[in-house]
Each structure stands twice: as structure tokens, then as C-alpha cells.
Amino acid sequence: MGRIAETQPNASRAMLELLERSIDETQATIAATEATINEEKRGFNLS
């Protein structure tokens, strides 16, 4: 990300949309991972 800021101090709309999509996908992955961890914990009676 630092290199983008150096070469393009003003992010284009397309770049911001790509960043937003990446953040959304990452948040969905985190939520799914947390759900899986909690399910496994329940399976082993850890929580």
C-alpha cells in the first residue's frame, strides 16, 4: 500500500472500490473463520 501512496497520492475511484471489495471479502473470511473456530471448540467442549 505504501508504494501506491508514493506513486499515486490520490487514489482513483476504481482503486478505492477495489480496496473496499478487498476489505469486505477479508471481513467475511474473518467471520467465517471465527464461526468455524467456535464450532470446533463446541465439538471439543472447549467453550
N, C-alpha and C. Protein backbone atom coordinates (compact mmCIF):
# COMPACT_ATOMS: atom_id res chain seq x y z
N MET A 1 0.83 -1.20 0.00
CA MET A 1 0.00 0.00 0.00
C MET A 1 0.87 1.25 0.00
N GLY A 2 2.00 1.18 0.65
CA GLY A 2 2.89 2.33 0.69
C GLY A 2 3.35 2.76 -0.69
N ARG A 3 3.62 1.77 -1.55
CA ARG A 3 4.07 2.09 -2.91
C ARG A 3 2.98 2.80 -3.69
N ILE A 4 1.74 2.40 -3.49
CA ILE A 4 0.63 3.07 -4.18
C ILE A 4 0.60 4.54 -3.77
N ALA A 5 0.74 4.79 -2.48
CA ALA A 5 0.71 6.17 -2.00
C ALA A 5 1.85 7.00 -2.58
N GLU A 6 2.99 6.36 -2.78
CA GLU A 6 4.13 7.09 -3.34
C GLU A 6 3.91 7.44 -4.80
N THR A 7 3.33 6.51 -5.56
CA THR A 7 3.17 6.73 -7.00
C THR A 7 1.85 7.40 -7.36
N GLN A 8 0.84 7.20 -6.52
CA GLN A 8 -0.47 7.81 -6.76
C GLN A 8 -0.99 8.40 -5.46
N PRO A 9 -0.61 9.63 -5.16
CA PRO A 9 -1.04 10.22 -3.89
C PRO A 9 -2.56 10.34 -3.78
N ASN A 10 -3.26 10.44 -4.90
CA ASN A 10 -4.72 10.49 -4.90
C ASN A 10 -5.24 9.20 -5.52
N ALA A 11 -5.92 8.40 -4.71
CA ALA A 11 -6.43 7.12 -5.19
C ALA A 11 -7.60 7.35 -6.14
N SER A 12 -7.62 6.57 -7.19
CA SER A 12 -8.73 6.66 -8.14
C SER A 12 -9.96 5.97 -7.56
N ARG A 13 -11.09 6.26 -8.15
CA ARG A 13 -12.34 5.62 -7.71
C ARG A 13 -12.24 4.10 -7.84
N ALA A 14 -11.66 3.63 -8.95
CA ALA A 14 -11.51 2.19 -9.16
C ALA A 14 -10.63 1.57 -8.07
N MET A 15 -9.55 2.25 -7.70
CA MET A 15 -8.66 1.74 -6.65
C MET A 15 -9.39 1.68 -5.31
N LEU A 16 -10.17 2.70 -5.01
CA LEU A 16 -10.93 2.71 -3.75
C LEU A 16 -11.98 1.61 -3.74
N GLU A 17 -12.62 1.37 -4.88
CA GLU A 17 -13.63 0.30 -4.96
C GLU A 17 -12.96 -1.06 -4.79
N LEU A 18 -11.78 -1.24 -5.39
CA LEU A 18 -11.04 -2.49 -5.23
C LEU A 18 -10.64 -2.69 -3.77
N LEU A 19 -10.17 -1.63 -3.13
CA LEU A 19 -9.81 -1.70 -1.72
C LEU A 19 -11.02 -2.04 -0.85
N GLU A 20 -12.15 -1.41 -1.14
CA GLU A 20 -13.37 -1.69 -0.38
C GLU A 20 -13.81 -3.15 -0.55
N ARG A 21 -13.74 -3.64 -1.78
CA ARG A 21 -14.11 -5.04 -2.03
C ARG A 21 -13.17 -5.99 -1.28
N SER A 22 -11.89 -5.67 -1.29
CA SER A 22 -10.91 -6.49 -0.58
C SER A 22 -11.18 -6.50 0.92
N ILE A 23 -11.50 -5.35 1.47
CA ILE A 23 -11.82 -5.26 2.90
C ILE A 23 -13.07 -6.07 3.21
N ASP A 24 -14.11 -5.93 2.38
CA ASP A 24 -15.35 -6.69 2.59
C ASP A 24 -15.10 -8.19 2.55
N GLU A 25 -14.32 -8.64 1.58
CA GLU A 25 -14.02 -10.07 1.46
C GLU A 25 -13.22 -10.56 2.66
N THR A 26 -12.29 -9.75 3.12
CA THR A 26 -11.47 -10.13 4.27
C THR A 26 -12.33 -10.21 5.53
N GLN A 27 -13.24 -9.27 5.69
CA GLN A 27 -14.13 -9.31 6.86
C GLN A 27 -15.02 -10.54 6.83
N ALA A 28 -15.49 -10.92 5.64
CA ALA A 28 -16.32 -12.12 5.51
C ALA A 28 -15.50 -13.37 5.85
N THR A 29 -14.25 -13.39 5.42
CA THR A 29 -13.37 -14.52 5.72
C THR A 29 -13.13 -14.62 7.22
N ILE A 30 -12.92 -13.49 7.86
CA ILE A 30 -12.71 -13.47 9.31
C ILE A 30 -13.94 -14.01 10.03
N ALA A 31 -15.11 -13.55 9.62
CA ALA A 31 -16.35 -14.02 10.26
C ALA A 31 -16.53 -15.53 10.08
N ALA A 32 -16.26 -16.02 8.89
CA ALA A 32 -16.40 -17.45 8.63
C ALA A 32 -15.38 -18.25 9.45
N THR A 33 -14.18 -17.73 9.55
CA THR A 33 -13.13 -18.41 10.32
C THR A 33 -13.50 -18.45 11.80
N GLU A 34 -14.01 -17.34 12.32
CA GLU A 34 -14.43 -17.31 13.72
C GLU A 34 -15.55 -18.30 13.97
N ALA A 35 -16.49 -18.39 13.05
CA ALA A 35 -17.60 -19.35 13.20
C ALA A 35 -17.07 -20.78 13.21
N THR A 36 -16.13 -21.08 12.34
CA THR A 36 -15.54 -22.42 12.30
C THR A 36 -14.81 -22.73 13.60
N ILE A 37 -14.04 -21.78 14.09
CA ILE A 37 -13.31 -21.99 15.34
C ILE A 37 -14.29 -22.25 16.49
N ASN A 38 -15.34 -21.45 16.56
CA ASN A 38 -16.32 -21.63 17.63
C ASN A 38 -17.02 -22.98 17.52
N GLU A 39 -17.31 -23.41 16.30
CA GLU A 39 -17.95 -24.71 16.09
C GLU A 39 -17.02 -25.84 16.55
N GLU A 40 -15.76 -25.74 16.21
CA GLU A 40 -14.79 -26.75 16.62
C GLU A 40 -14.61 -26.75 18.13
N LYS A 41 -14.58 -25.58 18.74
CA LYS A 41 -14.47 -25.51 20.20
C LYS A 41 -15.65 -26.22 20.86
N ARG A 42 -16.85 -25.98 20.32
CA ARG A 42 -18.03 -26.66 20.88
C ARG A 42 -17.91 -28.16 20.70
N GLY A 43 -17.39 -28.59 19.56
CA GLY A 43 -17.23 -30.02 19.30
C GLY A 43 -16.28 -30.69 20.28
N PHE A 44 -15.31 -29.93 20.77
CA PHE A 44 -14.36 -30.47 21.74
C PHE A 44 -14.69 -30.02 23.16
N ASN A 45 -15.88 -29.46 23.36
CA ASN A 45 -16.33 -28.97 24.67
C ASN A 45 -15.33 -27.99 25.28
N LEU A 46 -14.84 -27.07 24.45
CA LEU A 46 -13.87 -26.07 24.93
C LEU A 46 -14.52 -24.73 25.25
N SER A 47 -15.78 -24.57 24.87
CA SER A 47 -16.46 -23.32 25.23
C SER A 47 -17.94 -23.53 25.34
